[in-house]
Amino acid sequence: MSRSNDAGHFFQTSEALATTERKAAKSKNKHGNPIKLPSKILAVCDDRQGGVYTAEAAGEVKRVALDTGKLERIFTQGTAPLTCVAIGPDNKTIYTGSWDKTIYAICPSASPSIQTLTSHTDFIKCLLPVTLSSTPLLLSGSADATIILWNLTTSKPLHKLKGHTKALQNLAIDPESLTADSFTLFSASSDREIRRWYISLEKAYELEGEEPILAHETSVYALRFDGDGDLWTASADKTAKHLIRSRGWEADTTLQHPDFVRDVLPFEDLGLVVTACRDEEVRVWEMSSGALVCTYSGHFEEITGLASRGGRREVVSVSIDGTVRVWSLERGEMEKYLEEVARGNKAGDEGEKKEGLLTAEEEAELAELMEDDD
């Protein structure tokens, strides 16, 4: 245990103090042009206007203008942390889910209105808006292990789906199944299973004869379909995977990480896929080979989500550290970033050597010589 007169150091291990000091030092970095929000950011989505919407632990939804850094409060009435955020089928209404088991529908106009959807019995974990037969709908997944399909015109549940045994984490629509009146829904859960459901206005059920996909060892946090109809997944087993439809959802690419992978986002036009990890890093990978292209280091707490940015060659990341950061996916910009980091590391190493005059190895050699002299 470390000794200190600082009350903030009481009952903390040396490792905990080192982590605190590391995060304090890292928090000063400007990588990704950080935009600071007043509380922890738990989710993000593209606002389709060059900015993003964020869901915060303080119970607020904000719009962040990425070019200017301007913050606009969209919803401030949450009494518990907000865990997810999505834009409705009308491109106007914003939906957010809360720890208080409620889904809030916010229409930020001159006369803002707020509606609530209540039927889940535990935290809301994920939301997915969709339209079927010209009817606006919302799918929600909860820690109560159920999925609900809501009719947004009536604000009433249409169907409740049960099959998972633990909290839902993410929902995605199979693009190859989508018609005017039905689609197949993929759901991810903490039970590690990816399940498939038939969804229409009239009925909803788990697909018969389709066993759950078991691609990961533990919780699956994210599902993202690519243009080929294949699936990218992110998991607490420290991997992101590319699951191939034609091979029965077998993985042809596995991206290894040092910690939980919270999100994954493919950029097919660039041949890249981006992952967000609990180790505070944003990683960019070659989609075809799985080779690591660039590791962006800037956040100083766990990253909670990724979003694309209106067709630009950039990815947005958000974190428990309360910052929104934007990273370039241009090859030249990534190379430039890596060169700058390398120069900074070299300068830091030389500075430490100059300050101490000797490296650790040189000090050890000197100690041996002194012992010989004795």
Protein backbone atom coordinates (compact mmCIF):
# COMPACT_ATOMS: atom_id res chain seq x y z
CA MET A 1 0.00 0.00 0.00
CA SER A 2 1.19 3.52 -0.72
CA ARG A 3 1.39 6.10 2.08
CA SER A 4 0.15 9.62 1.51
CA ASN A 5 -1.30 12.56 3.42
CA ASP A 6 -3.71 13.11 0.53
CA ALA A 7 -7.15 11.93 1.70
CA GLY A 8 -7.90 10.84 -1.85
CA HIS A 9 -5.13 8.26 -1.57
CA PHE A 10 -6.45 6.51 1.54
CA PHE A 11 -7.30 2.81 1.14
CA GLN A 12 -5.98 2.68 -2.44
CA THR A 13 -3.44 0.21 -3.75
CA SER A 14 -0.31 1.33 -5.55
CA GLU A 15 -1.83 -0.06 -8.75
CA ALA A 16 -5.01 2.00 -8.27
CA LEU A 17 -2.97 5.15 -7.66
CA ALA A 18 -0.87 4.49 -10.76
CA THR A 19 -4.04 4.06 -12.83
CA THR A 20 -5.47 7.32 -11.47
CA GLU A 21 -2.25 9.19 -12.25
CA ARG A 22 -2.07 7.67 -15.75
CA LYS A 23 -5.65 8.70 -16.55
CA ALA A 24 -5.10 12.18 -15.16
CA ALA A 25 -2.07 12.64 -17.40
CA LYS A 26 -3.82 11.12 -20.43
CA SER A 27 -6.90 13.32 -19.96
CA LYS A 28 -4.90 16.33 -21.11
CA ASN A 29 -4.32 14.96 -24.61
CA LYS A 30 -6.04 16.54 -27.63
CA HIS A 31 -6.10 13.48 -29.89
CA GLY A 32 -9.35 13.24 -31.82
CA ASN A 33 -10.17 16.91 -31.11
CA PRO A 34 -12.13 16.07 -27.94
CA ILE A 35 -15.43 17.77 -27.21
CA LYS A 36 -16.05 17.60 -23.49
CA LEU A 37 -19.50 16.86 -22.09
CA PRO A 38 -20.38 17.24 -18.41
CA SER A 39 -21.09 13.56 -17.71
CA LYS A 40 -20.31 10.02 -18.82
CA ILE A 41 -21.45 9.19 -22.35
CA LEU A 42 -23.10 5.79 -22.63
CA ALA A 43 -24.28 5.77 -26.26
CA VAL A 44 -24.08 7.69 -29.54
CA CYS A 45 -25.78 7.85 -32.94
CA ASP A 46 -25.30 9.85 -36.14
CA ASP A 47 -27.76 12.76 -36.32
CA ARG A 48 -27.59 12.67 -40.16
CA GLN A 49 -26.67 16.36 -40.21
CA GLY A 50 -22.94 16.24 -39.54
CA GLY A 51 -23.25 15.80 -35.79
CA VAL A 52 -24.20 13.16 -33.27
CA TYR A 53 -26.71 12.59 -30.49
CA THR A 54 -25.34 11.35 -27.17
CA ALA A 55 -27.04 9.57 -24.26
CA GLU A 56 -25.52 10.45 -20.89
CA ALA A 57 -25.32 9.00 -17.42
CA ALA A 58 -26.69 12.31 -16.13
CA GLY A 59 -30.02 11.54 -17.83
CA GLU A 60 -29.60 13.92 -20.76
CA VAL A 61 -29.55 13.66 -24.55
CA LYS A 62 -27.44 16.22 -26.35
CA ARG A 63 -26.77 17.07 -29.96
CA VAL A 64 -23.07 17.67 -30.57
CA ALA A 65 -22.10 19.74 -33.61
CA LEU A 66 -18.76 18.15 -34.47
CA ASP A 67 -17.42 21.01 -36.59
CA THR A 68 -17.99 23.68 -33.94
CA GLY A 69 -18.16 21.72 -30.71
CA LYS A 70 -21.50 23.35 -29.90
CA LEU A 71 -23.73 21.40 -27.51
CA GLU A 72 -27.52 21.50 -27.69
CA ARG A 73 -29.63 20.00 -24.92
CA ILE A 74 -32.34 17.87 -26.48
CA PHE A 75 -33.66 16.09 -23.39
CA THR A 76 -32.93 16.97 -19.77
CA GLN A 77 -35.67 15.25 -17.82
CA GLY A 78 -34.09 11.85 -17.28
CA THR A 79 -34.00 10.73 -13.66
CA ALA A 80 -31.55 7.88 -14.33
CA PRO A 81 -28.69 7.13 -16.76
CA LEU A 82 -29.64 6.90 -20.44
CA THR A 83 -28.15 3.83 -22.10
CA CYS A 84 -29.12 4.11 -25.77
CA VAL A 85 -30.23 6.65 -28.37
CA ALA A 86 -31.69 6.40 -31.89
CA ILE A 87 -33.46 8.52 -34.51
CA GLY A 88 -36.98 7.47 -35.44
CA PRO A 89 -38.30 6.57 -38.91
CA ASP A 90 -39.51 10.16 -39.36
CA ASN A 91 -35.91 11.45 -39.00
CA LYS A 92 -37.21 13.88 -36.40
CA THR A 93 -38.12 12.03 -33.23
CA ILE A 94 -35.28 10.91 -30.97
CA TYR A 95 -35.67 7.85 -28.79
CA THR A 96 -33.64 7.12 -25.70
CA GLY A 97 -33.78 4.26 -23.19
CA SER A 98 -33.17 4.58 -19.48
CA TRP A 99 -32.18 2.69 -16.36
CA ASP A 100 -35.63 3.63 -15.07
CA LYS A 101 -37.14 1.05 -17.52
CA THR A 102 -38.67 3.81 -19.65
CA ILE A 103 -38.24 4.72 -23.33
CA TYR A 104 -38.55 8.44 -23.99
CA ALA A 105 -39.68 9.77 -27.38
CA ILE A 106 -38.51 13.36 -27.87
CA CYS A 107 -39.58 15.65 -30.68
CA PRO A 108 -37.23 18.68 -30.46
CA SER A 109 -39.26 21.33 -32.25
CA ALA A 110 -40.34 24.85 -31.38
CA SER A 111 -42.80 23.23 -28.97
CA PRO A 112 -40.92 20.12 -27.84
CA SER A 113 -42.99 17.14 -26.79
CA ILE A 114 -42.02 14.06 -24.80
CA GLN A 115 -43.84 10.74 -24.76
CA THR A 116 -43.00 7.67 -22.71
CA LEU A 117 -43.17 3.98 -23.59
CA THR A 118 -43.38 1.69 -20.56
CA SER A 119 -43.68 -2.09 -20.50
CA HIS A 120 -40.19 -3.45 -19.79
CA THR A 121 -39.43 -4.57 -16.24
CA ASP A 122 -35.70 -3.73 -16.21
CA PHE A 123 -33.13 -1.37 -17.78
CA ILE A 124 -33.52 -0.53 -21.47
CA LYS A 125 -30.37 -1.62 -23.29
CA CYS A 126 -30.92 -1.05 -27.03
CA LEU A 127 -33.33 0.56 -29.51
CA LEU A 128 -33.96 0.03 -33.23
CA PRO A 129 -36.48 2.14 -35.22
CA VAL A 130 -38.01 0.69 -38.42
CA THR A 131 -41.04 1.12 -40.72
CA LEU A 132 -43.31 -1.71 -41.92
CA SER A 133 -46.34 -1.24 -44.17
CA SER A 134 -45.97 2.55 -43.72
CA THR A 135 -46.29 2.08 -39.94
CA PRO A 136 -43.49 3.55 -37.78
CA LEU A 137 -42.21 0.99 -35.27
CA LEU A 138 -39.59 0.71 -32.57
CA LEU A 139 -37.82 -2.41 -31.32
CA SER A 140 -36.43 -2.34 -27.80
CA GLY A 141 -34.23 -4.78 -25.90
CA SER A 142 -33.94 -4.82 -22.13
CA ALA A 143 -32.06 -6.30 -19.21
CA ASP A 144 -35.30 -8.21 -18.56
CA ALA A 145 -34.23 -10.47 -21.49
CA THR A 146 -37.21 -9.48 -23.65
CA ILE A 147 -37.63 -7.69 -26.98
CA ILE A 148 -40.69 -5.50 -27.54
CA LEU A 149 -42.03 -4.27 -30.89
CA TRP A 150 -43.82 -0.93 -30.40
CA ASN A 151 -46.36 0.77 -32.66
CA LEU A 152 -45.18 4.37 -32.54
CA THR A 153 -48.53 5.67 -33.74
CA THR A 154 -50.30 4.30 -30.67
CA SER A 155 -47.29 4.06 -28.31
CA LYS A 156 -48.44 0.53 -27.48
CA PRO A 157 -46.57 -2.80 -27.65
CA LEU A 158 -47.44 -5.01 -30.63
CA HIS A 159 -45.35 -8.06 -29.74
CA LYS A 160 -43.12 -9.29 -26.91
CA LEU A 161 -40.38 -11.78 -27.73
CA LYS A 162 -38.78 -14.06 -25.16
CA GLY A 163 -35.96 -16.52 -25.77
CA HIS A 164 -32.78 -15.03 -24.37
CA THR A 165 -31.91 -15.84 -20.78
CA LYS A 166 -29.90 -12.70 -20.03
CA ALA A 167 -29.89 -8.99 -20.88
CA LEU A 168 -30.28 -7.92 -24.51
CA GLN A 169 -27.32 -5.95 -25.81
CA ASN A 170 -28.01 -5.12 -29.47
CA LEU A 171 -30.49 -5.54 -32.32
CA ALA A 172 -29.97 -5.55 -36.10
CA ILE A 173 -32.20 -6.11 -39.14
CA ASP A 174 -31.03 -8.64 -41.71
CA PRO A 175 -30.87 -6.48 -44.87
CA GLU A 176 -31.49 -9.48 -47.13
CA SER A 177 -34.78 -10.24 -45.40
CA LEU A 178 -36.31 -6.77 -45.39
CA THR A 179 -39.55 -6.33 -47.37
CA ALA A 180 -42.37 -3.81 -47.15
CA ASP A 181 -44.18 -5.87 -44.51
CA SER A 182 -41.65 -8.11 -42.72
CA PHE A 183 -37.99 -8.76 -41.86
CA THR A 184 -35.69 -11.00 -39.85
CA LEU A 185 -34.34 -9.51 -36.63
CA PHE A 186 -30.98 -10.56 -35.16
CA SER A 187 -30.56 -10.07 -31.41
CA ALA A 188 -27.43 -10.21 -29.24
CA SER A 189 -27.36 -10.88 -25.52
CA SER A 190 -25.20 -11.39 -22.46
CA ASP A 191 -26.04 -15.09 -22.77
CA ARG A 192 -23.63 -15.11 -25.79
CA GLU A 193 -26.39 -16.23 -28.16
CA ILE A 194 -27.36 -14.47 -31.38
CA ARG A 195 -31.01 -15.29 -32.09
CA ARG A 196 -33.18 -14.72 -35.18
CA TRP A 197 -36.82 -13.61 -35.22
CA TYR A 198 -39.51 -13.14 -37.87
CA ILE A 199 -41.13 -9.71 -37.47
CA SER A 200 -44.30 -8.33 -39.07
CA LEU A 201 -47.23 -6.23 -37.88
CA GLU A 202 -49.43 -9.30 -37.51
CA LYS A 203 -47.01 -11.69 -35.81
CA ALA A 204 -43.51 -12.14 -34.44
CA TYR A 205 -41.71 -15.33 -33.45
CA GLU A 206 -38.29 -16.98 -33.31
CA LEU A 207 -37.39 -18.63 -36.60
CA GLU A 208 -38.16 -22.31 -36.54
CA GLY A 209 -35.28 -24.69 -37.14
CA GLU A 210 -32.68 -21.94 -36.66
CA GLU A 211 -30.47 -22.64 -33.67
CA PRO A 212 -28.89 -19.62 -31.93
CA ILE A 213 -25.57 -18.55 -33.46
CA LEU A 214 -22.76 -19.25 -30.96
CA ALA A 215 -19.80 -17.35 -32.37
CA HIS A 216 -18.48 -15.99 -29.05
CA GLU A 217 -17.60 -17.33 -25.61
CA THR A 218 -19.52 -14.70 -23.66
CA SER A 219 -21.59 -11.49 -24.01
CA VAL A 220 -22.12 -10.13 -27.54
CA TYR A 221 -22.30 -6.33 -27.44
CA ALA A 222 -22.71 -5.29 -31.08
CA LEU A 223 -24.15 -6.56 -34.38
CA ARG A 224 -23.44 -4.79 -37.71
CA PHE A 225 -24.37 -6.10 -41.14
CA ASP A 226 -22.18 -5.22 -44.13
CA GLY A 227 -23.16 -4.77 -47.76
CA ASP A 228 -22.65 -8.46 -48.52
CA GLY A 229 -25.21 -9.41 -45.90
CA ASP A 230 -22.52 -10.81 -43.62
CA LEU A 231 -22.29 -9.90 -39.95
CA TRP A 232 -19.67 -8.13 -37.81
CA THR A 233 -19.88 -8.77 -34.07
CA ALA A 234 -18.16 -7.44 -30.94
CA SER A 235 -17.89 -9.36 -27.68
CA ALA A 236 -16.67 -9.44 -24.10
CA ASP A 237 -14.51 -12.42 -25.10
CA LYS A 238 -12.04 -9.78 -26.38
CA THR A 239 -12.74 -10.36 -30.07
CA ALA A 240 -14.60 -8.85 -32.97
CA LYS A 241 -15.60 -11.32 -35.68
CA HIS A 242 -16.82 -11.40 -39.27
CA LEU A 243 -19.51 -14.07 -39.65
CA ILE A 244 -20.19 -15.35 -43.17
CA ARG A 245 -23.79 -16.09 -44.14
CA SER A 246 -22.91 -18.63 -46.86
CA ARG A 247 -20.87 -20.65 -44.35
CA GLY A 248 -23.62 -20.91 -41.76
CA TRP A 249 -22.33 -17.80 -39.91
CA GLU A 250 -18.85 -19.22 -39.47
CA ALA A 251 -16.15 -16.64 -38.66
CA ASP A 252 -13.62 -15.97 -41.41
CA THR A 253 -11.94 -13.08 -39.55
CA THR A 254 -11.25 -12.73 -35.83
CA LEU A 255 -9.82 -9.48 -34.48
CA GLN A 256 -8.07 -10.05 -31.15
CA HIS A 257 -8.11 -7.33 -28.46
CA PRO A 258 -6.64 -7.01 -24.96
CA ASP A 259 -10.06 -6.35 -23.37
CA PHE A 260 -13.82 -6.33 -24.02
CA VAL A 261 -14.80 -5.11 -27.49
CA ARG A 262 -17.71 -2.70 -27.05
CA ASP A 263 -18.52 -1.85 -30.66
CA VAL A 264 -17.61 -2.60 -34.27
CA LEU A 265 -18.33 -0.53 -37.38
CA PRO A 266 -17.46 -1.52 -40.97
CA PHE A 267 -16.58 1.07 -43.65
CA GLU A 268 -16.78 -1.02 -46.79
CA ASP A 269 -16.04 1.78 -49.26
CA LEU A 270 -12.70 2.21 -47.47
CA GLY A 271 -12.04 -1.50 -46.93
CA LEU A 272 -11.79 -0.86 -43.20
CA VAL A 273 -13.50 -1.92 -39.99
CA VAL A 274 -13.24 0.03 -36.72
CA THR A 275 -13.50 -1.37 -33.19
CA ALA A 276 -13.94 0.23 -29.77
CA CYS A 277 -12.32 -1.48 -26.81
CA ARG A 278 -12.60 -1.22 -23.05
CA ASP A 279 -8.85 -0.57 -23.01
CA GLU A 280 -9.62 3.03 -24.16
CA GLU A 281 -8.37 2.53 -27.73
CA VAL A 282 -10.03 2.88 -31.14
CA ARG A 283 -8.56 0.43 -33.63
CA VAL A 284 -8.75 0.48 -37.44
CA TRP A 285 -8.33 -2.84 -39.30
CA GLU A 286 -8.07 -4.01 -42.88
CA MET A 287 -11.43 -5.57 -43.63
CA SER A 288 -10.05 -8.15 -46.05
CA SER A 289 -7.02 -9.40 -44.10
CA GLY A 290 -7.75 -8.42 -40.49
CA ALA A 291 -4.42 -6.59 -40.30
CA LEU A 292 -4.24 -3.73 -37.81
CA VAL A 293 -3.83 -0.40 -39.62
CA CYS A 294 -3.92 2.15 -36.80
CA THR A 295 -4.56 2.37 -33.07
CA TYR A 296 -6.00 5.70 -32.00
CA SER A 297 -5.22 6.58 -28.39
CA GLY A 298 -7.00 9.53 -26.81
CA HIS A 299 -9.77 8.42 -24.49
CA PHE A 300 -8.79 7.89 -20.88
CA GLU A 301 -11.78 5.77 -19.83
CA GLU A 302 -13.70 2.91 -21.44
CA ILE A 303 -15.09 3.61 -24.93
CA THR A 304 -18.84 2.95 -25.10
CA GLY A 305 -19.76 3.42 -28.76
CA LEU A 306 -18.92 4.35 -32.35
CA ALA A 307 -20.80 6.25 -35.05
CA SER A 308 -20.15 7.11 -38.67
CA ARG A 309 -20.22 10.75 -39.65
CA GLY A 310 -22.60 11.53 -42.48
CA GLY A 311 -20.62 9.85 -45.26
CA ARG A 312 -17.30 11.44 -44.28
CA ARG A 313 -14.17 9.33 -43.98
CA GLU A 314 -14.25 9.66 -40.21
CA VAL A 315 -15.44 7.69 -37.21
CA VAL A 316 -16.79 9.17 -33.97
CA SER A 317 -16.12 7.60 -30.58
CA VAL A 318 -17.62 8.33 -27.17
CA SER A 319 -16.49 7.31 -23.73
CA ILE A 320 -17.09 7.13 -20.01
CA ASP A 321 -14.51 9.96 -19.90
CA GLY A 322 -17.23 12.34 -21.15
CA THR A 323 -15.57 13.17 -24.47
CA VAL A 324 -16.66 12.88 -28.09
CA ARG A 325 -13.71 12.36 -30.43
CA VAL A 326 -13.41 12.23 -34.23
CA TRP A 327 -10.81 10.09 -36.01
CA SER A 328 -9.79 10.18 -39.66
CA LEU A 329 -10.02 7.03 -41.78
CA GLU A 330 -7.91 8.50 -44.58
CA ARG A 331 -4.82 6.35 -45.06
CA GLY A 332 -2.51 9.35 -45.21
CA GLU A 333 -3.96 10.87 -42.05
CA MET A 334 -3.59 7.60 -40.15
CA GLU A 335 0.05 7.32 -41.24
CA LYS A 336 0.64 10.90 -40.14
CA TYR A 337 -0.92 10.18 -36.74
CA LEU A 338 1.29 7.12 -36.22
CA GLU A 339 4.39 9.10 -37.14
CA GLU A 340 3.46 11.85 -34.67
CA VAL A 341 2.89 9.32 -31.91
CA ALA A 342 6.24 7.66 -32.66
CA ARG A 343 8.03 11.02 -32.52
CA GLY A 344 6.26 11.87 -29.27
CA ASN A 345 7.24 8.55 -27.71
CA LYS A 346 10.85 8.99 -28.80
CA ALA A 347 10.97 12.51 -27.40
CA GLY A 348 9.46 11.29 -24.14
CA ASP A 349 12.02 8.51 -23.84
CA GLU A 350 14.90 10.93 -24.52
CA GLY A 351 13.47 13.40 -22.03
CA GLU A 352 13.31 10.75 -19.32
CA LYS A 353 16.87 9.69 -20.10
CA LYS A 354 18.13 13.27 -19.93
CA GLU A 355 16.27 13.95 -16.68
CA GLY A 356 17.72 10.87 -15.02
CA LEU A 357 21.00 10.99 -16.98
CA LEU A 358 21.04 7.17 -17.10
CA THR A 359 18.57 4.60 -18.38
CA ALA A 360 17.39 1.79 -16.09
CA GLU A 361 19.83 -0.59 -17.78
CA GLU A 362 22.72 1.84 -17.34
CA GLU A 363 21.81 2.36 -13.69
CA ALA A 364 21.85 -1.42 -13.17
CA GLU A 365 25.29 -1.66 -14.79
CA LEU A 366 26.55 1.17 -12.61
CA ALA A 367 25.22 -0.57 -9.49
CA GLU A 368 27.12 -3.72 -10.45
CA LEU A 369 30.33 -1.75 -10.93
CA MET A 370 29.91 -0.08 -7.55
CA GLU A 371 29.46 -3.48 -5.92
CA ASP A 372 32.64 -4.70 -7.63
CA ASP A 373 34.54 -1.67 -6.32
CA ASP A 374 33.41 -2.48 -2.80
